């Protein structure tokens, strides 16, 4: 008879394997538990570091804004240090300038920087501040940005019916003159349709009989443009009462530009030129401040991007520059002739599609075509919120954002 003995070695092996398995399981549980704690600690540290970087970036943004908002600051002096534009911003229309910011007192190890960015064509009165912060040894970075309305250029007044030609004096045609002055029309076609704005508007008429009022005869004698030179029709408007012209208060200028100053336009023009904007760039240059007395021979402006040409008092010191008969300007042309009609005597030009503004009369006007266009003032008529105080720095609502690179 065969005897069966208990399989003690086999049972012991199983027990050993179970024990080893439990030990391994316990070790794995401990390992993953420790790993989870470590990951949580790292995440907590990363979150803390990211929060510090965001706070530092916000502080840099606030510091840069405080410098800009200082009422005694020189806006253009702040923007003299050119720098690389932030990612996604390129082209000659963008002015990017480095701003100096103070170190964060609680995070002296944080490297802070701020860049001011503005569009020199579409919105030169809006400055977007891009601030960034990076903390050495933590590999943490953050960015913040916000836009500000800055009084680089004052608002232009809204004109319901801008005239094609605006004067501060009287106008007459030279013998054999070749002129066309066409107002805005209902259907938008030049020199046809029903006029919806004046063809000519003057702010000064000679009170020949010195009675204090302007008669129809005095008005007609002052605005002596023949019907053939007004193919689009349109009325010619003038004050009903006598107004002084001396000293010259630039009434024509103020009627279309409002509080926009010489200094603002000159700085705007210089910034565009310095940034590389020309009539051939995309977008093209939009503002030209001209001090030279030489006659103007360059066509500028397009329907999408109208231009503003300003012939300054310096350009008009002896005689306001003429414009070539092949020159086409889409936009506005202003001549600061200083209420001196002789500086505009015999003036000649090509085609202006927009508006012509002259700070005097135009005796013996020889040649030129002025076609009123609704977009003629767009080069300098900027988008300001209704009711805003455009003389001080203010935040653009909804423009703040922050993030990481």
Protein backbone atom coordinates (compact mmCIF):
# COMPACT_ATOMS: atom_id res chain seq x y z
CA UNK A 1 0.00 0.00 0.00
CA UNK A 2 1.28 3.45 -0.96
CA UNK A 3 1.26 6.22 1.72
CA UNK A 4 0.53 9.92 0.86
CA UNK A 5 2.46 12.54 2.93
CA UNK A 6 1.27 16.19 3.25
CA UNK A 7 2.88 18.58 0.68
CA UNK A 8 4.47 20.79 3.29
CA UNK A 9 7.15 22.24 1.01
CA UNK A 10 4.51 23.28 -1.52
CA UNK A 11 2.37 24.97 1.10
CA UNK A 12 5.36 26.85 2.45
CA UNK A 13 6.27 28.10 -0.99
CA UNK A 14 2.79 29.44 -1.53
CA UNK A 15 2.89 31.21 1.81
CA UNK A 16 6.23 32.73 0.92
CA UNK A 17 4.96 33.94 -2.44
CA UNK A 18 1.92 35.51 -0.83
CA UNK A 19 4.10 37.24 1.74
CA UNK A 20 6.44 38.52 -0.97
CA UNK A 21 3.47 39.76 -2.97
CA UNK A 22 2.09 41.60 0.02
CA UNK A 23 5.45 43.18 0.68
CA UNK A 24 5.73 44.28 -2.97
CA UNK A 25 2.18 45.61 -2.91
CA UNK A 26 2.87 47.51 0.26
CA UNK A 27 6.10 48.87 -1.23
CA UNK A 28 4.32 49.97 -4.41
CA UNK A 29 1.57 51.59 -2.37
CA UNK A 30 4.13 53.43 -0.31
CA UNK A 31 6.07 54.44 -3.43
CA UNK A 32 3.06 55.82 -5.26
CA UNK A 33 1.84 57.50 -2.13
CA UNK A 34 5.19 59.23 -1.72
CA UNK A 35 5.24 60.04 -5.43
CA UNK A 36 1.78 61.57 -5.20
CA UNK A 37 2.87 63.70 -2.26
CA UNK A 38 5.96 64.79 -4.20
CA UNK A 39 3.89 65.66 -7.26
CA UNK A 40 1.47 67.62 -5.11
CA UNK A 41 4.38 69.47 -3.54
CA UNK A 42 5.88 70.24 -6.96
CA UNK A 43 2.50 71.39 -8.27
CA UNK A 44 2.08 73.56 -5.20
CA UNK A 45 5.55 75.04 -5.69
CA UNK A 46 4.91 75.59 -9.42
CA UNK A 47 1.59 77.23 -8.65
CA UNK A 48 3.27 79.46 -6.08
CA UNK A 49 6.06 80.34 -8.51
CA UNK A 50 3.55 81.06 -11.29
CA UNK A 51 1.53 83.24 -8.92
CA UNK A 52 4.67 85.15 -7.97
CA UNK A 53 5.52 85.68 -11.64
CA UNK A 54 2.00 86.91 -12.39
CA UNK A 55 2.11 89.29 -9.45
CA UNK A 56 5.48 90.58 -10.63
CA UNK A 57 4.18 91.06 -14.20
CA UNK A 58 1.10 92.89 -12.88
CA UNK A 59 3.38 95.09 -10.78
CA UNK A 60 5.53 95.89 -13.81
CA UNK A 61 2.39 96.78 -15.78
CA UNK A 62 1.10 99.03 -13.01
CA UNK A 63 4.50 100.70 -12.66
CA UNK A 64 4.71 101.44 -16.39
CA UNK A 65 1.15 102.78 -16.41
CA UNK A 66 1.90 105.04 -13.45
CA UNK A 67 4.86 106.57 -15.30
CA UNK A 68 2.73 107.13 -18.41
CA UNK A 69 -0.17 108.58 -16.44
CA UNK A 70 2.09 111.10 -14.66
CA UNK A 71 0.76 114.46 -15.75
CA UNK A 72 4.25 115.88 -16.09
CA UNK A 73 5.58 113.22 -18.45
CA UNK A 74 6.62 113.88 -22.03
CA UNK A 75 4.79 111.20 -24.00
CA UNK A 76 7.12 111.20 -26.98
CA UNK A 77 10.25 111.23 -24.80
CA UNK A 78 9.09 107.93 -23.30
CA UNK A 79 8.96 106.29 -26.72
CA UNK A 80 12.48 107.02 -27.93
CA UNK A 81 14.02 103.64 -27.03
CA UNK A 82 13.08 101.32 -29.86
CA UNK A 83 12.85 97.62 -29.13
CA UNK A 84 11.69 94.37 -30.68
CA UNK A 85 7.92 94.21 -30.90
CA UNK A 86 6.01 91.47 -29.02
CA UNK A 87 5.19 88.26 -30.87
CA UNK A 88 2.53 88.66 -33.52
CA UNK A 89 3.17 92.38 -34.05
CA UNK A 90 5.18 93.37 -37.11
CA UNK A 91 5.29 95.99 -39.81
CA UNK A 92 6.28 99.68 -40.08
CA UNK A 93 2.96 100.90 -38.69
CA UNK A 94 3.86 99.54 -35.21
CA UNK A 95 5.97 101.64 -32.88
CA UNK A 96 7.48 99.50 -30.11
CA UNK A 97 9.44 101.19 -27.33
CA UNK A 98 11.05 99.86 -24.17
CA UNK A 99 9.88 101.37 -20.88
CA UNK A 100 11.92 101.33 -17.68
CA UNK A 101 10.20 99.78 -14.65
CA UNK A 102 11.22 99.68 -11.01
CA UNK A 103 12.22 96.33 -9.41
CA UNK A 104 9.52 94.61 -7.34
CA UNK A 105 10.42 95.24 -3.66
CA UNK A 106 9.14 91.82 -2.55
CA UNK A 107 10.71 89.96 -5.48
CA UNK A 108 14.10 91.55 -6.12
CA UNK A 109 15.16 88.43 -8.02
CA UNK A 110 12.41 88.95 -10.63
CA UNK A 111 13.51 90.38 -13.98
CA UNK A 112 10.84 92.87 -15.11
CA UNK A 113 10.34 94.54 -18.48
CA UNK A 114 7.68 96.58 -20.24
CA UNK A 115 7.14 97.50 -23.88
CA UNK A 116 4.82 100.23 -25.17
CA UNK A 117 3.17 99.46 -28.52
CA UNK A 118 1.01 101.69 -30.70
CA UNK A 119 -0.36 101.67 -34.23
CA UNK A 120 0.92 104.86 -35.87
CA UNK A 121 -1.69 104.75 -38.63
CA UNK A 122 -4.99 103.53 -37.22
CA UNK A 123 -4.79 104.42 -33.52
CA UNK A 124 -1.81 106.58 -32.49
CA UNK A 125 -3.78 107.66 -29.40
CA UNK A 126 -3.91 104.09 -28.00
CA UNK A 127 -0.83 102.78 -26.21
CA UNK A 128 -0.75 99.08 -25.28
CA UNK A 129 1.69 98.23 -22.49
CA UNK A 130 3.09 94.67 -22.58
CA UNK A 131 4.74 93.75 -19.25
CA UNK A 132 6.63 90.54 -18.47
CA UNK A 133 8.36 88.99 -15.47
CA UNK A 134 10.73 86.04 -15.08
CA UNK A 135 12.10 84.74 -11.77
CA UNK A 136 15.61 83.29 -11.82
CA UNK A 137 15.98 79.76 -10.45
CA UNK A 138 12.25 79.04 -10.63
CA UNK A 139 11.80 78.83 -14.40
CA UNK A 140 8.60 80.86 -13.97
CA UNK A 141 7.44 83.55 -16.35
CA UNK A 142 4.29 85.61 -16.79
CA UNK A 143 2.93 88.40 -18.93
CA UNK A 144 0.28 91.07 -18.55
CA UNK A 145 -0.95 93.79 -20.85
CA UNK A 146 -3.45 96.63 -20.96
CA UNK A 147 -4.27 99.47 -23.36
CA UNK A 148 -4.45 103.17 -22.53
CA UNK A 149 -5.91 106.18 -24.25
CA UNK A 150 -3.06 108.73 -24.36
CA UNK A 151 -3.47 112.36 -25.54
CA UNK A 152 -0.98 112.17 -28.39
CA UNK A 153 -3.60 113.60 -30.76
CA UNK A 154 -6.76 115.47 -29.74
CA UNK A 155 -10.16 114.42 -31.12
CA UNK A 156 -11.31 116.04 -34.34
CA UNK A 157 -14.82 117.48 -34.28
CA UNK A 158 -17.59 115.54 -35.94
CA UNK A 159 -18.88 117.29 -39.05
CA UNK A 160 -22.31 116.30 -40.33
CA UNK A 161 -21.75 117.97 -43.70
CA UNK A 162 -18.08 118.80 -44.35
CA UNK A 163 -17.51 121.22 -47.23
CA UNK A 164 -15.23 120.32 -50.10
CA UNK A 165 -13.33 123.62 -49.75
CA UNK A 166 -12.96 125.44 -46.41
CA UNK A 167 -11.50 128.96 -46.38
CA UNK A 168 -10.79 131.85 -44.09
CA UNK A 169 -11.27 134.46 -46.78
CA UNK A 170 -12.53 135.01 -50.30
CA UNK A 171 -11.83 133.14 -53.52
CA UNK A 172 -11.65 134.19 -57.15
CA UNK A 173 -10.68 132.48 -60.39
CA UNK A 174 -7.74 133.43 -62.59
CA UNK A 175 -8.36 134.08 -66.26
CA UNK A 176 -8.59 130.75 -68.05
CA UNK A 177 -8.65 128.83 -64.77
CA UNK A 178 -9.31 125.09 -64.77
CA UNK A 179 -11.24 124.35 -61.59
CA UNK A 180 -13.72 121.79 -60.31
CA UNK A 181 -15.17 121.84 -56.79
CA UNK A 182 -17.70 119.10 -56.03
CA UNK A 183 -19.49 118.58 -52.69
CA UNK A 184 -20.64 115.35 -51.09
CA UNK A 185 -23.70 113.98 -52.86
CA UNK A 186 -26.57 111.74 -51.87
CA UNK A 187 -25.50 108.87 -54.13
CA UNK A 188 -21.79 109.20 -53.43
CA UNK A 189 -20.83 109.93 -57.04
CA UNK A 190 -18.48 112.86 -57.51
CA UNK A 191 -19.85 115.92 -59.34
CA UNK A 192 -23.28 114.38 -59.88
CA UNK A 193 -26.45 113.75 -57.96
CA UNK A 194 -27.98 115.87 -55.24
CA UNK A 195 -25.50 117.70 -53.01
CA UNK A 196 -25.80 117.00 -49.29
CA UNK A 197 -23.03 119.33 -48.11
CA UNK A 198 -21.64 122.76 -49.05
CA UNK A 199 -19.24 122.99 -51.95
CA UNK A 200 -17.44 125.95 -50.37
CA UNK A 201 -17.46 127.28 -46.82
CA UNK A 202 -15.68 130.43 -45.70
CA UNK A 203 -15.30 131.84 -42.20
CA UNK A 204 -14.47 135.38 -43.28
CA UNK A 205 -16.13 137.74 -45.75
CA UNK A 206 -15.06 141.35 -46.27
CA UNK A 207 -17.69 143.70 -44.88
CA UNK A 208 -17.32 146.23 -47.70
CA UNK A 209 -20.01 148.63 -46.46
CA UNK A 210 -18.91 148.31 -42.82
CA UNK A 211 -22.45 147.84 -41.50
CA UNK A 212 -21.63 144.78 -39.39
CA UNK A 213 -23.62 142.29 -41.47
CA UNK A 214 -22.82 140.30 -44.60
CA UNK A 215 -25.26 140.81 -47.45
CA UNK A 216 -25.94 138.36 -50.27
CA UNK A 217 -24.09 140.70 -52.64
CA UNK A 218 -21.00 140.73 -50.38
CA UNK A 219 -21.15 136.95 -50.04
CA UNK A 220 -21.43 136.42 -53.80
CA UNK A 221 -18.60 138.86 -54.46
CA UNK A 222 -16.41 137.03 -51.95
CA UNK A 223 -17.11 133.50 -53.20
CA UNK A 224 -16.58 134.24 -56.85
CA UNK A 225 -16.43 130.74 -58.30
CA UNK A 226 -18.26 130.35 -61.60
CA UNK A 227 -21.05 127.78 -62.02
CA UNK A 228 -18.93 125.88 -64.52
CA UNK A 229 -16.35 125.32 -61.77
CA UNK A 230 -19.08 123.88 -59.53
CA UNK A 231 -20.33 120.97 -61.67
CA UNK A 232 -21.73 119.15 -58.66
CA UNK A 233 -23.79 122.09 -57.47
CA UNK A 234 -23.82 122.66 -53.73
CA UNK A 235 -24.20 125.87 -51.81
CA UNK A 236 -21.47 128.28 -50.77
CA UNK A 237 -21.78 129.21 -47.11
CA UNK A 238 -20.43 132.24 -45.28
CA UNK A 239 -21.09 134.04 -41.96
CA UNK A 240 -24.09 136.38 -41.88
CA UNK A 241 -22.39 138.86 -39.59
CA UNK A 242 -19.01 140.50 -39.95
CA UNK A 243 -16.28 138.70 -38.03
CA UNK A 244 -12.68 139.85 -37.52
CA UNK A 245 -9.82 137.93 -39.14
CA UNK A 246 -6.99 139.74 -37.42
CA UNK A 247 -5.25 138.56 -35.36
CA UNK A 248 -5.37 135.29 -37.24
CA UNK A 249 -7.04 132.67 -35.04
CA UNK A 250 -6.95 129.93 -37.69
CA UNK A 251 -10.70 129.56 -37.82
CA UNK A 252 -10.64 127.28 -40.87
CA UNK A 253 -8.07 125.00 -39.21
CA UNK A 254 -10.04 124.76 -35.97
CA UNK A 255 -13.32 124.10 -37.78
CA UNK A 256 -11.99 120.80 -39.18
CA UNK A 257 -9.19 119.84 -36.76
CA UNK A 258 -10.63 121.13 -33.50
CA UNK A 259 -7.97 121.11 -30.77
CA UNK A 260 -5.40 119.13 -32.75
CA UNK A 261 -2.21 121.20 -32.54
CA UNK A 262 0.75 121.80 -34.82
CA UNK A 263 2.99 119.98 -32.36
CA UNK A 264 0.77 116.90 -32.31
CA UNK A 265 0.62 116.65 -36.10
CA UNK A 266 4.33 117.33 -36.49
CA UNK A 267 5.23 114.64 -33.94
CA UNK A 268 2.81 112.17 -35.54
CA UNK A 269 4.31 112.80 -38.98
CA UNK A 270 7.87 112.44 -37.65
CA UNK A 271 7.04 109.18 -35.87
CA UNK A 272 5.60 107.69 -39.06
CA UNK A 273 8.60 108.78 -41.11
CA UNK A 274 11.09 107.52 -38.52
CA UNK A 275 9.31 104.16 -38.39
CA UNK A 276 9.75 103.70 -42.15
CA UNK A 277 6.23 104.42 -43.36
CA UNK A 278 6.03 105.75 -46.93
CA UNK A 279 3.42 106.11 -49.65
CA UNK A 280 4.45 102.63 -50.86
CA UNK A 281 4.41 100.67 -47.58
CA UNK A 282 1.51 98.52 -46.40
CA UNK A 283 -0.26 100.32 -44.86
CA UNK A 284 0.97 103.59 -46.39
CA UNK A 285 1.98 106.66 -44.44
CA UNK A 286 -1.06 108.74 -43.50
CA UNK A 287 0.28 112.06 -42.10
CA UNK A 288 2.69 114.47 -43.80
CA UNK A 289 3.82 117.62 -42.00
CA UNK A 290 5.56 119.74 -44.62
CA UNK A 291 7.91 122.62 -43.74
CA UNK A 292 9.57 122.86 -47.15
CA UNK A 293 8.52 125.71 -49.48
CA UNK A 294 9.15 123.51 -52.53
CA UNK A 295 6.17 122.60 -54.70
CA UNK A 296 4.66 119.19 -53.92
CA UNK A 297 4.92 116.52 -56.61
CA UNK A 298 3.99 113.22 -54.88
CA UNK A 299 0.61 111.45 -55.01
CA UNK A 300 -0.43 110.05 -51.62
CA UNK A 301 -3.38 108.36 -49.95
CA UNK A 302 -5.88 105.71 -51.01
CA UNK A 303 -9.60 105.21 -50.39
CA UNK A 304 -8.75 102.58 -47.75
CA UNK A 305 -5.94 104.67 -46.23
CA UNK A 306 -6.53 108.42 -46.83
CA UNK A 307 -3.72 110.85 -46.06
CA UNK A 308 -3.39 114.25 -44.43
CA UNK A 309 -1.00 116.82 -45.91
CA UNK A 310 -0.27 119.90 -43.81
CA UNK A 311 1.73 122.72 -45.41
CA UNK A 312 2.89 124.57 -42.32
CA UNK A 313 3.33 128.26 -41.66
CA UNK A 314 7.03 127.70 -42.35
CA UNK A 315 6.28 126.19 -45.75
CA UNK A 316 3.98 129.13 -46.48
CA UNK A 317 6.36 131.78 -45.16
CA UNK A 318 6.71 133.49 -48.56
CA UNK A 319 4.25 131.62 -50.76
CA UNK A 320 2.32 128.43 -50.07
CA UNK A 321 3.68 125.54 -52.14
CA UNK A 322 1.79 124.64 -55.28
CA UNK A 323 0.94 121.02 -56.09
CA UNK A 324 1.76 119.35 -59.40
CA UNK A 325 -1.11 119.10 -61.87
CA UNK A 326 -0.69 115.32 -62.02
CA UNK A 327 -0.65 114.90 -58.25
CA UNK A 328 -3.58 113.00 -56.71
CA UNK A 329 -4.20 113.20 -52.99
CA UNK A 330 -6.87 111.03 -51.40
CA UNK A 331 -7.57 112.65 -48.06
CA UNK A 332 -7.20 116.19 -46.73
CA UNK A 333 -4.88 119.05 -47.62
CA UNK A 334 -4.35 121.98 -45.20
CA UNK A 335 -2.40 125.14 -45.98
CA UNK A 336 -1.50 127.42 -43.07
CA UNK A 337 -1.32 130.64 -45.07
CA UNK A 338 -1.74 132.73 -41.91
CA UNK A 339 -4.76 134.75 -43.11
CA UNK A 340 -2.54 136.27 -45.82
CA UNK A 341 -4.35 135.98 -49.14
CA UNK A 342 -1.25 136.90 -51.14
CA UNK A 343 0.43 133.65 -50.12
CA UNK A 344 -2.27 131.76 -52.04
CA UNK A 345 -2.48 134.01 -55.09
CA UNK A 346 -2.45 131.99 -58.32
CA UNK A 347 -2.40 128.66 -56.46
CA UNK A 348 -2.29 125.52 -58.58
CA UNK A 349 -2.93 121.87 -57.80
CA UNK A 350 -3.90 118.52 -59.23
CA UNK A 351 -6.73 116.44 -57.75
CA UNK A 352 -7.73 116.30 -54.08
CA UNK A 353 -10.28 113.64 -53.22
CA UNK A 354 -11.43 114.56 -49.74
CA UNK A 355 -11.16 118.12 -48.45
CA UNK A 356 -9.09 121.26 -49.02
CA UNK A 357 -8.64 123.66 -46.08
CA UNK A 358 -6.94 127.05 -46.55
CA UNK A 359 -6.27 129.51 -43.72
CA UNK A 360 -6.84 132.54 -45.96
CA UNK A 361 -8.56 133.42 -49.19
CA UNK A 362 -7.51 132.20 -52.67
CA UNK A 363 -7.23 135.08 -55.13
CA UNK A 364 -6.80 134.14 -58.79
CA UNK A 365 -6.97 130.39 -58.19
CA UNK A 366 -5.57 128.83 -61.38
CA UNK A 367 -6.11 125.06 -61.33
CA UNK A 368 -7.26 122.20 -59.17
CA UNK A 369 -10.00 119.64 -58.63
CA UNK A 370 -11.51 119.10 -55.18
CA UNK A 371 -13.87 116.14 -54.95
CA UNK A 372 -15.44 115.80 -51.52
CA UNK A 373 -15.20 112.26 -50.14
CA UNK A 374 -16.73 110.96 -46.90
CA UNK A 375 -13.44 109.24 -45.98
CA UNK A 376 -11.41 112.41 -46.59
CA UNK A 377 -11.03 113.10 -42.84
CA UNK A 378 -10.31 109.53 -41.73
CA UNK A 379 -6.54 110.06 -41.59
CA UNK A 380 -6.84 112.26 -38.50
CA UNK A 381 -10.37 111.65 -37.21
CA UNK A 382 -9.61 109.01 -34.58
CA UNK A 383 -11.92 106.69 -32.68
CA UNK A 384 -12.44 108.16 -29.20
CA UNK A 385 -15.20 106.89 -26.88
CA UNK A 386 -18.07 109.30 -26.55
CA UNK A 387 -17.74 111.60 -23.54
CA UNK A 388 -14.11 110.68 -22.79
CA UNK A 389 -11.73 113.30 -21.41
CA UNK A 390 -9.15 113.14 -24.18
CA UNK A 391 -6.67 115.37 -22.32
CA UNK A 392 -5.52 112.70 -19.85
CA UNK A 393 -4.40 109.08 -19.80
CA UNK A 394 -7.21 106.58 -19.25
CA UNK A 395 -7.51 102.80 -19.42
CA UNK A 396 -9.29 101.15 -22.32
CA UNK A 397 -12.09 99.17 -20.71
CA UNK A 398 -11.83 95.42 -21.22
CA UNK A 399 -8.27 95.50 -22.57
CA UNK A 400 -6.47 93.92 -19.56
CA UNK A 401 -5.19 90.36 -19.90
CA UNK A 402 -2.49 88.16 -18.40
CA UNK A 403 -0.90 84.79 -19.09
CA UNK A 404 2.31 82.88 -19.54
CA UNK A 405 4.62 82.75 -22.57
